[in-house]
Protein backbone atom coordinates (compact mmCIF):
# COMPACT_ATOMS: atom_id res chain seq x y z
CA MET A 1 -1.35 3.41 14.34
CA ILE A 2 -0.62 0.00 15.57
CA MET A 3 2.81 -1.96 15.46
CA LEU A 4 2.06 -6.08 15.18
CA THR A 5 4.99 -8.69 14.79
CA LEU A 6 4.26 -11.18 12.00
CA GLU A 7 3.41 -13.62 14.56
CA GLU A 8 0.83 -11.51 16.09
CA ILE A 9 -1.12 -10.92 12.87
CA VAL A 10 -0.84 -14.36 11.94
CA ALA A 11 -2.50 -15.20 15.23
CA MET A 12 -5.18 -12.71 14.97
CA ASN A 13 -5.98 -13.95 11.19
CA GLY A 14 -6.28 -17.34 12.80
CA LEU A 15 -9.27 -16.14 14.84
CA LEU A 16 -10.85 -14.99 11.56
CA ASP A 17 -10.63 -17.49 8.84
CA GLY A 18 -6.96 -18.61 8.59
CA LYS A 19 -7.12 -17.67 4.97
CA ALA A 20 -4.28 -15.90 3.00
CA ILE A 21 -4.04 -11.78 3.74
CA GLU A 22 -3.52 -10.25 0.42
CA GLY A 23 -0.09 -8.66 0.02
CA ILE A 24 1.47 -10.34 2.90
CA ALA A 25 3.83 -13.37 2.82
CA ILE A 26 3.52 -15.89 5.55
CA LYS A 27 6.46 -17.99 5.79
CA ALA A 28 6.48 -21.56 7.56
CA SER A 29 8.17 -21.20 10.86
CA GLU A 30 11.03 -23.46 11.99
CA GLU A 31 9.76 -23.28 15.86
CA SER A 32 7.17 -25.76 17.08
CA GLU A 33 3.77 -24.53 17.62
CA GLU A 34 4.09 -24.59 21.31
CA VAL A 35 6.88 -22.31 21.14
CA ARG A 36 5.23 -20.05 18.58
CA LEU A 37 2.01 -20.05 20.65
CA LYS A 38 4.14 -19.06 24.09
CA LYS A 39 6.15 -16.15 22.24
CA VAL A 40 3.12 -14.63 20.81
CA THR A 41 0.91 -15.03 24.00
CA GLU A 42 3.88 -13.15 26.00
CA SER A 43 3.83 -10.35 23.36
CA LEU A 44 0.05 -9.94 23.14
CA VAL A 45 0.12 -9.71 26.60
CA ALA A 46 3.02 -7.01 26.92
CA LYS A 47 1.32 -4.80 24.12
CA GLU A 48 -2.16 -5.10 26.10
CA PHE A 49 -4.03 -6.87 23.56
CA LEU A 50 -4.81 -9.65 26.26
CA ILE A 51 -5.50 -8.32 29.53
CA ASP A 52 -6.21 -10.91 32.40
CA GLY A 53 -6.24 -13.68 30.15
CA LYS A 54 -9.07 -11.76 28.35
CA LEU A 55 -9.29 -10.06 24.43
CA SER A 56 -8.69 -6.60 25.19
CA ASP A 57 -10.81 -3.56 23.64
CA LYS A 58 -7.47 -2.85 21.51
CA PHE A 59 -7.08 -6.45 20.04
CA MET A 60 -11.12 -6.83 18.85
CA ALA A 61 -10.69 -2.89 17.37
CA THR A 62 -7.60 -4.36 15.53
CA ILE A 63 -9.03 -7.69 14.61
CA GLU A 64 -12.16 -5.75 13.20
CA LEU A 65 -9.76 -3.60 11.11
CA LEU A 66 -8.06 -6.32 9.80
CA LYS A 67 -11.43 -8.14 8.74
CA ARG A 68 -12.34 -5.21 6.90
CA TYR A 69 -8.83 -5.10 5.14
CA LYS A 70 -9.50 -8.53 3.75
CA ALA A 71 -13.22 -8.15 3.02
CA SER A 72 -12.15 -5.03 0.69
CA ASN A 73 -12.50 -5.54 -2.81
CA HIS A 74 -10.32 -2.61 -3.82
CA LYS A 75 -6.65 -3.01 -2.84
CA ILE A 76 -3.75 -1.15 -3.78
CA PHE A 77 -0.06 -1.89 -3.12
CA ILE A 78 2.51 0.89 -3.54
CA ASN A 79 6.16 -0.13 -2.72
CA ASN A 80 5.75 -1.56 1.10
CA LEU A 81 2.37 -0.47 1.57
CA ARG A 82 -0.66 -2.82 1.29
CA ILE A 83 -3.96 -0.50 1.09
CA ALA A 84 -7.34 -1.60 1.41
CA VAL A 85 -10.17 1.00 0.31
CA LEU A 86 -12.96 0.56 2.90
CA ASP A 87 -15.18 3.35 1.73
CA ASP A 88 -15.25 6.64 -0.02
CA THR A 89 -13.17 8.28 2.65
CA TYR A 90 -11.19 5.72 5.00
CA THR A 91 -8.36 2.82 4.09
CA ALA A 92 -6.68 0.24 6.38
CA VAL A 93 -2.92 0.44 5.58
CA LEU A 94 -0.62 -2.35 6.19
CA GLU A 95 2.84 -1.19 5.88
CA VAL A 96 5.78 -3.83 5.66
CA LEU A 97 8.83 -2.76 7.62
CA PRO A 98 12.47 -3.59 6.81
CA ASN A 99 12.54 -5.80 10.18
CA GLY A 100 9.46 -7.69 9.17
CA ASP A 101 7.00 -5.99 11.53
CA ILE A 102 3.66 -4.34 10.31
CA SER A 103 2.25 -1.17 11.20
CA PHE A 104 -1.15 -1.16 10.73
CA SER A 105 -3.85 1.91 10.81
CA TYR A 106 -7.03 3.29 9.79
CA THR A 107 -6.25 6.39 7.59
CA PRO A 108 -7.95 8.69 5.12
CA ALA A 109 -7.11 8.14 1.35
CA VAL A 110 -6.34 11.64 1.06
CA VAL A 111 -3.69 11.49 3.84
CA VAL A 112 -2.19 8.60 2.42
CA VAL A 113 -1.94 10.25 -1.42
CA LYS A 114 -0.73 13.37 0.32
CA LYS A 115 1.96 11.46 2.46
CA HIS A 116 3.38 10.40 -1.09
CA ILE A 117 3.30 14.00 -2.36
CA GLU A 118 4.98 15.42 0.20
CA ALA A 119 7.93 12.83 0.37
CA ALA A 120 8.76 13.66 -3.34
CA ASP A 121 10.43 16.55 -4.38
CA PHE A 122 9.05 16.04 -7.99
CA LEU A 123 5.58 15.60 -7.18
CA LYS A 124 5.21 18.98 -5.34
CA GLN A 125 6.23 20.98 -8.40
CA GLU A 126 3.85 22.84 -10.93
CA GLN A 127 3.37 21.43 -13.96
CA LYS A 128 3.81 23.27 -17.12
CA ALA A 129 0.44 23.45 -19.25
CA ARG A 130 0.35 21.30 -22.13
CA PHE A 131 -2.36 20.97 -25.31
CA PHE A 132 -1.31 17.29 -25.89
CA GLU A 133 -0.70 14.53 -23.38
CA TYR A 134 2.99 12.96 -23.41
CA GLU A 135 3.28 10.26 -25.84
CA LYS A 136 2.79 6.67 -25.35
CA GLU A 137 5.80 4.37 -26.25
CA PRO A 138 5.71 0.57 -26.74
CA CYS A 139 8.25 -0.81 -24.54
CA THR A 140 9.41 -4.00 -23.03
CA GLU A 141 10.86 -4.67 -19.14
CA ALA A 142 14.23 -5.62 -20.90
CA ASN A 143 14.47 -2.29 -22.62
CA LEU A 144 13.65 -0.01 -19.49
CA ASN A 145 16.65 1.90 -18.38
CA ARG A 146 16.58 1.83 -14.60
CA GLN A 147 20.07 3.23 -13.75
CA GLU A 148 19.67 6.62 -14.05
CA TRP A 149 16.26 6.96 -11.88
CA GLU A 150 16.47 8.06 -7.89
CA ASN A 151 13.42 6.98 -7.15
CA VAL A 152 11.19 3.87 -7.62
CA MET A 153 7.48 3.69 -6.86
CA VAL A 154 5.51 0.25 -7.82
CA VAL A 155 2.00 0.55 -8.06
CA GLN A 156 -0.40 -2.48 -8.23
CA THR A 157 -4.23 -2.46 -7.91
CA TYR A 158 -6.51 -5.60 -7.45
CA HIS A 159 -10.41 -5.71 -7.59
CA ARG A 160 -11.62 -8.96 -6.21
CA GLN A 161 -8.02 -10.46 -6.21
CA ARG A 162 -7.81 -9.57 -9.64
CA MET A 163 -5.15 -7.29 -10.94
CA ASN A 164 -5.80 -4.55 -12.95
CA VAL A 165 -3.00 -1.89 -12.85
CA PHE A 166 0.55 -2.84 -12.75
CA HIS A 167 2.54 0.63 -13.19
CA THR A 168 6.28 1.33 -12.05
CA TYR A 169 7.04 5.00 -11.92
CA TYR A 170 10.70 5.83 -12.25
CA PHE A 171 11.63 9.56 -11.23
CA ASN A 172 14.05 12.08 -9.98
CA ASP A 173 13.70 15.92 -8.96
CA LYS A 174 13.02 16.69 -12.59
CA GLU A 175 11.02 14.39 -14.60
CA ALA A 176 9.65 10.91 -14.54
CA TYR A 177 8.17 8.03 -16.40
CA ARG A 178 5.56 5.35 -15.68
CA PHE A 179 5.83 1.93 -17.28
CA ASP A 180 2.64 -0.46 -17.54
CA HIS A 181 3.62 -3.61 -17.15
CA ILE A 182 0.46 -5.20 -18.43
CA LYS A 183 0.04 -2.90 -21.64
CA LYS A 184 3.89 -2.94 -21.86
CA ILE A 185 3.84 0.87 -22.50
CA LYS A 186 6.17 3.70 -21.24
CA GLN A 187 5.21 7.32 -20.94
CA GLN A 188 6.49 10.34 -19.51
CA ARG A 189 4.55 11.80 -16.73
CA GLY A 190 4.29 15.73 -15.43
CA SER A 191 4.42 16.25 -11.89
CA LYS A 192 0.55 17.19 -11.91
CA ASP A 193 -0.06 14.00 -14.22
CA PHE A 194 1.57 11.78 -11.52
CA ARG A 195 -0.36 13.13 -8.55
CA LEU A 196 -3.65 12.54 -10.42
CA ASP A 197 -2.55 9.13 -11.32
CA LEU A 198 -2.19 8.61 -7.57
CA VAL A 199 -5.72 10.31 -6.77
CA LYS A 200 -7.43 8.03 -9.40
CA LEU A 201 -5.86 4.86 -7.56
CA PHE A 202 -8.54 5.45 -4.52
CA ASP A 203 -11.48 6.63 -6.62
CA ILE A 204 -11.04 10.47 -4.91
CA GLU A 205 -12.94 12.86 -6.57
CA ALA A 206 -10.08 15.36 -8.49
CA GLY A 207 -11.01 16.93 -11.61
CA GLU A 208 -8.42 18.94 -13.73
CA LYS A 209 -9.33 22.52 -11.65
CA ASP A 210 -9.08 20.91 -8.58
CA GLU A 211 -5.66 22.98 -7.17
CA GLN A 212 -5.15 20.58 -4.08
CA TRP A 213 -3.52 18.32 -6.64
């Protein structure tokens, strides 16, 4: 995992193509370009991205991962995570931290899913067998009851920069439901349903008989 400031990632992005980084909001700075350049150069030196005035291997590895993040046509946003699916196994994960800094990592998709499961008591539970899936109910955002839920997970997926999934999960340690913002449908989700929803986001192979989920 590599820790970056917004200015550092902007500087690296400038060496690529300077175009927008999906999922990362870049605000205009009130400081002059000279001041910004001085500060970012000092921070890159302190983190050993620049050594003796030259780009280090660490810098090159990071900018290559940023390049692969930007080139990916399959991106998943889960709350403050910005995830680019790179291949059948690995992802590039940008996590926007509360202080505005960004952690950047090259992570197996399975690890990303399991971290979400392990962090929520509901998702770790067994699900009782059902003959039929939960009923889908037409619903609008104005009719959602958000007050009673302890946890919220906002999920968006993009293919070639076009959104094709926009779900919000509301859940506590006993139950959950999913609201589809595109289709305007609300549906209760069991713990395994929820886990498989996460798995499918990454196109991970996981059939109904796969016990790991």
